[in-house]
Amino acid sequence: MANTMELFAQEAPEVAAAFNNLIIAVVKRPALDAKTKQLIYIAMKAAMGDDTAVKAHIPMAKAAGATREEVIDAILMTVTVSGIRGVAHCLPEAVAQFEK
C-alpha cells in the first residue's frame, strides 16, 4: 500500500497539489530558519499524538541541524499543553532515529 501522501496525491491530485503549494509557501517564509520550523512542526504534531508525522519530520530536522536534545525538548514541550500523549507516542521514535 502507498504511504498516506502518495495515496492522497493518487486519489485527489488537485487537492494534494494545492496542499503541497501551501506547504511550500509556508516553508519559504524567511523569518524562521529550517531547523526551527522543523522543531515547531515536530512539537505541534507530537502535541496531536501524530507519531507518523513526527517520524517523517525527524530526518528533515536532523538534516537542518537539529540535535537529539533539541528534538527531544520539542516533544517534551508538548506535555504542558496536551498531556503525556505526544511524549508517549513520539519520544520513542525520536530516540530511535538518533540511535541509528
N, C-alpha and C. Protein backbone atom coordinates (compact mmCIF):
# COMPACT_ATOMS: atom_id res chain seq x y z
N MET A 1 0.83 -1.18 0.00
CA MET A 1 0.00 0.00 0.00
C MET A 1 0.88 1.25 0.00
N ALA A 2 0.45 2.25 -0.71
CA ALA A 2 1.18 3.50 -0.79
C ALA A 2 1.13 4.23 0.55
N ASN A 3 2.14 5.07 0.78
CA ASN A 3 2.07 5.86 2.01
C ASN A 3 0.94 6.88 1.89
N THR A 4 0.62 7.51 2.98
CA THR A 4 -0.54 8.40 3.04
C THR A 4 -0.47 9.51 2.01
N MET A 5 0.66 10.16 1.88
CA MET A 5 0.78 11.28 0.95
C MET A 5 0.71 10.81 -0.51
N GLU A 6 1.26 9.64 -0.79
CA GLU A 6 1.15 9.09 -2.15
C GLU A 6 -0.31 8.76 -2.47
N LEU A 7 -1.01 8.19 -1.52
CA LEU A 7 -2.42 7.87 -1.71
C LEU A 7 -3.24 9.15 -1.89
N PHE A 8 -2.95 10.16 -1.11
CA PHE A 8 -3.60 11.45 -1.22
C PHE A 8 -3.41 12.00 -2.64
N ALA A 9 -2.19 11.99 -3.15
CA ALA A 9 -1.91 12.50 -4.49
C ALA A 9 -2.60 11.67 -5.57
N GLN A 10 -2.68 10.38 -5.35
CA GLN A 10 -3.32 9.50 -6.33
C GLN A 10 -4.83 9.71 -6.36
N GLU A 11 -5.44 9.84 -5.21
CA GLU A 11 -6.89 9.92 -5.13
C GLU A 11 -7.45 11.33 -5.33
N ALA A 12 -6.65 12.33 -5.00
CA ALA A 12 -7.13 13.72 -5.14
C ALA A 12 -5.96 14.60 -5.58
N PRO A 13 -5.49 14.42 -6.80
CA PRO A 13 -4.28 15.12 -7.24
C PRO A 13 -4.36 16.64 -7.15
N GLU A 14 -5.51 17.21 -7.48
CA GLU A 14 -5.63 18.67 -7.44
C GLU A 14 -5.60 19.19 -6.01
N VAL A 15 -6.19 18.46 -5.09
CA VAL A 15 -6.17 18.87 -3.68
C VAL A 15 -4.77 18.67 -3.10
N ALA A 16 -4.13 17.57 -3.43
CA ALA A 16 -2.77 17.30 -2.96
C ALA A 16 -1.81 18.37 -3.48
N ALA A 17 -1.97 18.78 -4.73
CA ALA A 17 -1.10 19.82 -5.29
C ALA A 17 -1.31 21.15 -4.56
N ALA A 18 -2.56 21.49 -4.28
CA ALA A 18 -2.85 22.72 -3.55
C ALA A 18 -2.25 22.66 -2.14
N PHE A 19 -2.35 21.51 -1.49
CA PHE A 19 -1.78 21.32 -0.17
C PHE A 19 -0.25 21.48 -0.22
N ASN A 20 0.38 20.87 -1.21
CA ASN A 20 1.83 20.99 -1.36
C ASN A 20 2.25 22.43 -1.61
N ASN A 21 1.47 23.17 -2.40
CA ASN A 21 1.78 24.58 -2.64
C ASN A 21 1.66 25.40 -1.36
N LEU A 22 0.70 25.07 -0.52
CA LEU A 22 0.57 25.74 0.77
C LEU A 22 1.81 25.49 1.62
N ILE A 23 2.24 24.25 1.68
CA ILE A 23 3.43 23.91 2.45
C ILE A 23 4.65 24.67 1.93
N ILE A 24 4.81 24.71 0.62
CA ILE A 24 5.94 25.42 0.01
C ILE A 24 5.90 26.90 0.40
N ALA A 25 4.73 27.52 0.34
CA ALA A 25 4.60 28.93 0.69
C ALA A 25 4.98 29.19 2.14
N VAL A 26 4.58 28.31 3.04
CA VAL A 26 4.91 28.49 4.45
C VAL A 26 6.41 28.28 4.68
N VAL A 27 6.97 27.25 4.08
CA VAL A 27 8.38 26.93 4.27
C VAL A 27 9.28 28.04 3.71
N LYS A 28 8.86 28.69 2.65
CA LYS A 28 9.67 29.75 2.03
C LYS A 28 9.72 31.03 2.84
N ARG A 29 8.81 31.21 3.78
CA ARG A 29 8.84 32.44 4.59
C ARG A 29 10.17 32.53 5.31
N PRO A 30 10.78 33.70 5.34
CA PRO A 30 12.17 33.81 5.77
C PRO A 30 12.43 34.04 7.27
N ALA A 31 11.45 34.33 8.06
CA ALA A 31 11.71 34.74 9.44
C ALA A 31 12.32 33.65 10.32
N LEU A 32 11.94 32.42 10.11
CA LEU A 32 12.47 31.30 10.90
C LEU A 32 13.36 30.43 10.02
N ASP A 33 14.44 29.93 10.60
CA ASP A 33 15.30 29.03 9.84
C ASP A 33 14.67 27.65 9.75
N ALA A 34 15.20 26.83 8.86
CA ALA A 34 14.62 25.50 8.59
C ALA A 34 14.60 24.62 9.83
N LYS A 35 15.66 24.67 10.64
CA LYS A 35 15.70 23.84 11.85
C LYS A 35 14.59 24.23 12.81
N THR A 36 14.41 25.51 13.04
CA THR A 36 13.36 25.97 13.95
C THR A 36 12.00 25.56 13.44
N LYS A 37 11.77 25.70 12.15
CA LYS A 37 10.48 25.30 11.57
C LYS A 37 10.22 23.82 11.78
N GLN A 38 11.23 23.00 11.59
CA GLN A 38 11.06 21.56 11.78
C GLN A 38 10.79 21.23 13.25
N LEU A 39 11.48 21.90 14.16
CA LEU A 39 11.25 21.65 15.59
C LEU A 39 9.83 22.07 15.99
N ILE A 40 9.36 23.18 15.45
CA ILE A 40 7.99 23.61 15.73
C ILE A 40 7.00 22.59 15.17
N TYR A 41 7.24 22.15 13.95
CA TYR A 41 6.34 21.18 13.34
C TYR A 41 6.31 19.89 14.16
N ILE A 42 7.48 19.43 14.58
CA ILE A 42 7.55 18.21 15.41
C ILE A 42 6.76 18.41 16.69
N ALA A 43 6.91 19.55 17.33
CA ALA A 43 6.19 19.81 18.58
C ALA A 43 4.68 19.85 18.35
N MET A 44 4.25 20.52 17.28
CA MET A 44 2.81 20.59 17.01
C MET A 44 2.24 19.20 16.74
N LYS A 45 2.92 18.42 15.92
CA LYS A 45 2.41 17.10 15.59
C LYS A 45 2.49 16.16 16.80
N ALA A 46 3.52 16.31 17.61
CA ALA A 46 3.61 15.49 18.83
C ALA A 46 2.47 15.85 19.78
N ALA A 47 2.13 17.13 19.88
CA ALA A 47 1.01 17.54 20.73
C ALA A 47 -0.28 16.88 20.31
N MET A 48 -0.39 16.59 19.02
CA MET A 48 -1.58 15.91 18.48
C MET A 48 -1.45 14.39 18.61
N GLY A 49 -0.28 13.90 19.00
CA GLY A 49 -0.05 12.46 19.08
C GLY A 49 0.18 11.83 17.72
N ASP A 50 0.53 12.65 16.73
CA ASP A 50 0.71 12.18 15.35
C ASP A 50 2.13 11.66 15.16
N ASP A 51 2.36 10.43 15.61
CA ASP A 51 3.70 9.86 15.54
C ASP A 51 4.16 9.61 14.11
N THR A 52 3.25 9.42 13.17
CA THR A 52 3.63 9.23 11.77
C THR A 52 4.28 10.49 11.22
N ALA A 53 3.68 11.64 11.48
CA ALA A 53 4.26 12.91 11.01
C ALA A 53 5.57 13.21 11.72
N VAL A 54 5.63 12.95 13.01
CA VAL A 54 6.87 13.19 13.75
C VAL A 54 7.98 12.32 13.18
N LYS A 55 7.67 11.07 12.93
CA LYS A 55 8.66 10.14 12.35
C LYS A 55 9.17 10.66 11.01
N ALA A 56 8.29 11.21 10.19
CA ALA A 56 8.67 11.72 8.88
C ALA A 56 9.50 13.00 8.98
N HIS A 57 9.26 13.81 10.00
CA HIS A 57 9.95 15.10 10.09
C HIS A 57 11.25 15.06 10.87
N ILE A 58 11.51 14.03 11.63
CA ILE A 58 12.78 13.95 12.35
C ILE A 58 13.96 13.95 11.40
N PRO A 59 13.96 13.17 10.32
CA PRO A 59 15.11 13.25 9.39
C PRO A 59 15.29 14.64 8.79
N MET A 60 14.19 15.34 8.53
CA MET A 60 14.30 16.70 8.00
C MET A 60 14.90 17.63 9.03
N ALA A 61 14.50 17.46 10.30
CA ALA A 61 15.07 18.27 11.37
C ALA A 61 16.56 17.98 11.52
N LYS A 62 16.92 16.71 11.47
CA LYS A 62 18.34 16.34 11.56
C LYS A 62 19.12 16.95 10.41
N ALA A 63 18.58 16.89 9.21
CA ALA A 63 19.26 17.46 8.04
C ALA A 63 19.42 18.97 8.16
N ALA A 64 18.50 19.61 8.88
CA ALA A 64 18.56 21.06 9.09
C ALA A 64 19.46 21.42 10.27
N GLY A 65 20.03 20.41 10.93
CA GLY A 65 20.97 20.66 12.01
C GLY A 65 20.45 20.45 13.41
N ALA A 66 19.24 19.95 13.55
CA ALA A 66 18.68 19.73 14.88
C ALA A 66 19.41 18.58 15.57
N THR A 67 19.65 18.77 16.85
CA THR A 67 20.31 17.73 17.64
C THR A 67 19.26 16.82 18.28
N ARG A 68 19.73 15.72 18.79
CA ARG A 68 18.88 14.78 19.53
C ARG A 68 18.18 15.52 20.67
N GLU A 69 18.94 16.31 21.42
CA GLU A 69 18.38 17.02 22.57
C GLU A 69 17.32 18.03 22.16
N GLU A 70 17.52 18.72 21.03
CA GLU A 70 16.54 19.70 20.56
C GLU A 70 15.23 19.03 20.16
N VAL A 71 15.33 17.90 19.47
CA VAL A 71 14.12 17.18 19.07
C VAL A 71 13.39 16.64 20.30
N ILE A 72 14.13 16.08 21.23
CA ILE A 72 13.51 15.58 22.47
C ILE A 72 12.84 16.72 23.22
N ASP A 73 13.51 17.86 23.34
CA ASP A 73 12.91 19.00 24.04
C ASP A 73 11.65 19.50 23.33
N ALA A 74 11.66 19.51 22.00
CA ALA A 74 10.46 19.93 21.25
C ALA A 74 9.29 19.02 21.59
N ILE A 75 9.55 17.72 21.69
CA ILE A 75 8.49 16.77 22.03
C ILE A 75 8.07 16.95 23.49
N LEU A 76 9.03 17.12 24.39
CA LEU A 76 8.71 17.29 25.80
C LEU A 76 7.91 18.55 26.08
N MET A 77 8.10 19.60 25.27
CA MET A 77 7.35 20.85 25.45
C MET A 77 5.84 20.61 25.36
N THR A 78 5.43 19.58 24.67
CA THR A 78 4.01 19.33 24.46
C THR A 78 3.30 18.84 25.71
N VAL A 79 4.03 18.31 26.66
CA VAL A 79 3.40 17.72 27.85
C VAL A 79 2.64 18.77 28.65
N THR A 80 3.09 20.02 28.64
CA THR A 80 2.42 21.06 29.41
C THR A 80 1.13 21.55 28.75
N VAL A 81 0.98 21.27 27.46
CA VAL A 81 -0.18 21.75 26.71
C VAL A 81 -1.19 20.63 26.46
N SER A 82 -0.69 19.48 26.10
CA SER A 82 -1.60 18.41 25.68
C SER A 82 -1.42 17.10 26.44
N GLY A 83 -0.69 17.13 27.51
CA GLY A 83 -0.53 15.92 28.30
C GLY A 83 0.53 14.98 27.77
N ILE A 84 0.50 13.78 28.25
CA ILE A 84 1.55 12.79 28.00
C ILE A 84 1.45 12.12 26.63
N ARG A 85 0.32 12.27 25.94
CA ARG A 85 0.10 11.55 24.68
C ARG A 85 1.24 11.72 23.68
N GLY A 86 1.64 12.96 23.41
CA GLY A 86 2.70 13.20 22.43
C GLY A 86 4.02 12.60 22.84
N VAL A 87 4.32 12.69 24.12
CA VAL A 87 5.56 12.11 24.63
C VAL A 87 5.51 10.60 24.48
N ALA A 88 4.41 10.01 24.90
CA ALA A 88 4.28 8.55 24.85
C ALA A 88 4.32 8.02 23.42
N HIS A 89 3.71 8.74 22.49
CA HIS A 89 3.63 8.27 21.11
C HIS A 89 4.84 8.63 20.27
N CYS A 90 5.53 9.72 20.60
CA CYS A 90 6.55 10.24 19.69
C CYS A 90 7.98 10.18 20.21
N LEU A 91 8.16 10.20 21.50
CA LEU A 91 9.52 10.19 22.05
C LEU A 91 10.29 8.92 21.71
N PRO A 92 9.68 7.73 21.79
CA PRO A 92 10.45 6.53 21.45
C PRO A 92 11.02 6.56 20.02
N GLU A 93 10.23 7.02 19.07
CA GLU A 93 10.71 7.10 17.68
C GLU A 93 11.82 8.12 17.55
N ALA A 94 11.71 9.24 18.23
CA ALA A 94 12.74 10.27 18.16
C ALA A 94 14.07 9.72 18.67
N VAL A 95 14.02 9.08 19.80
CA VAL A 95 15.25 8.50 20.37
C VAL A 95 15.81 7.44 19.43
N ALA A 96 14.96 6.59 18.90
CA ALA A 96 15.40 5.53 17.99
C ALA A 96 16.07 6.10 16.74
N GLN A 97 15.52 7.18 16.20
CA GLN A 97 16.10 7.75 14.98
C GLN A 97 17.48 8.37 15.23
N PHE A 98 17.74 8.80 16.44
CA PHE A 98 19.06 9.35 16.72
C PHE A 98 20.05 8.26 17.12
N GLU A 99 19.57 7.07 17.36
CA GLU A 99 20.46 5.95 17.69
C GLU A 99 20.94 5.21 16.44
N LYS A 100 20.35 5.56 15.28
CA LYS A 100 20.73 4.89 14.01
C LYS A 100 22.10 5.33 13.57
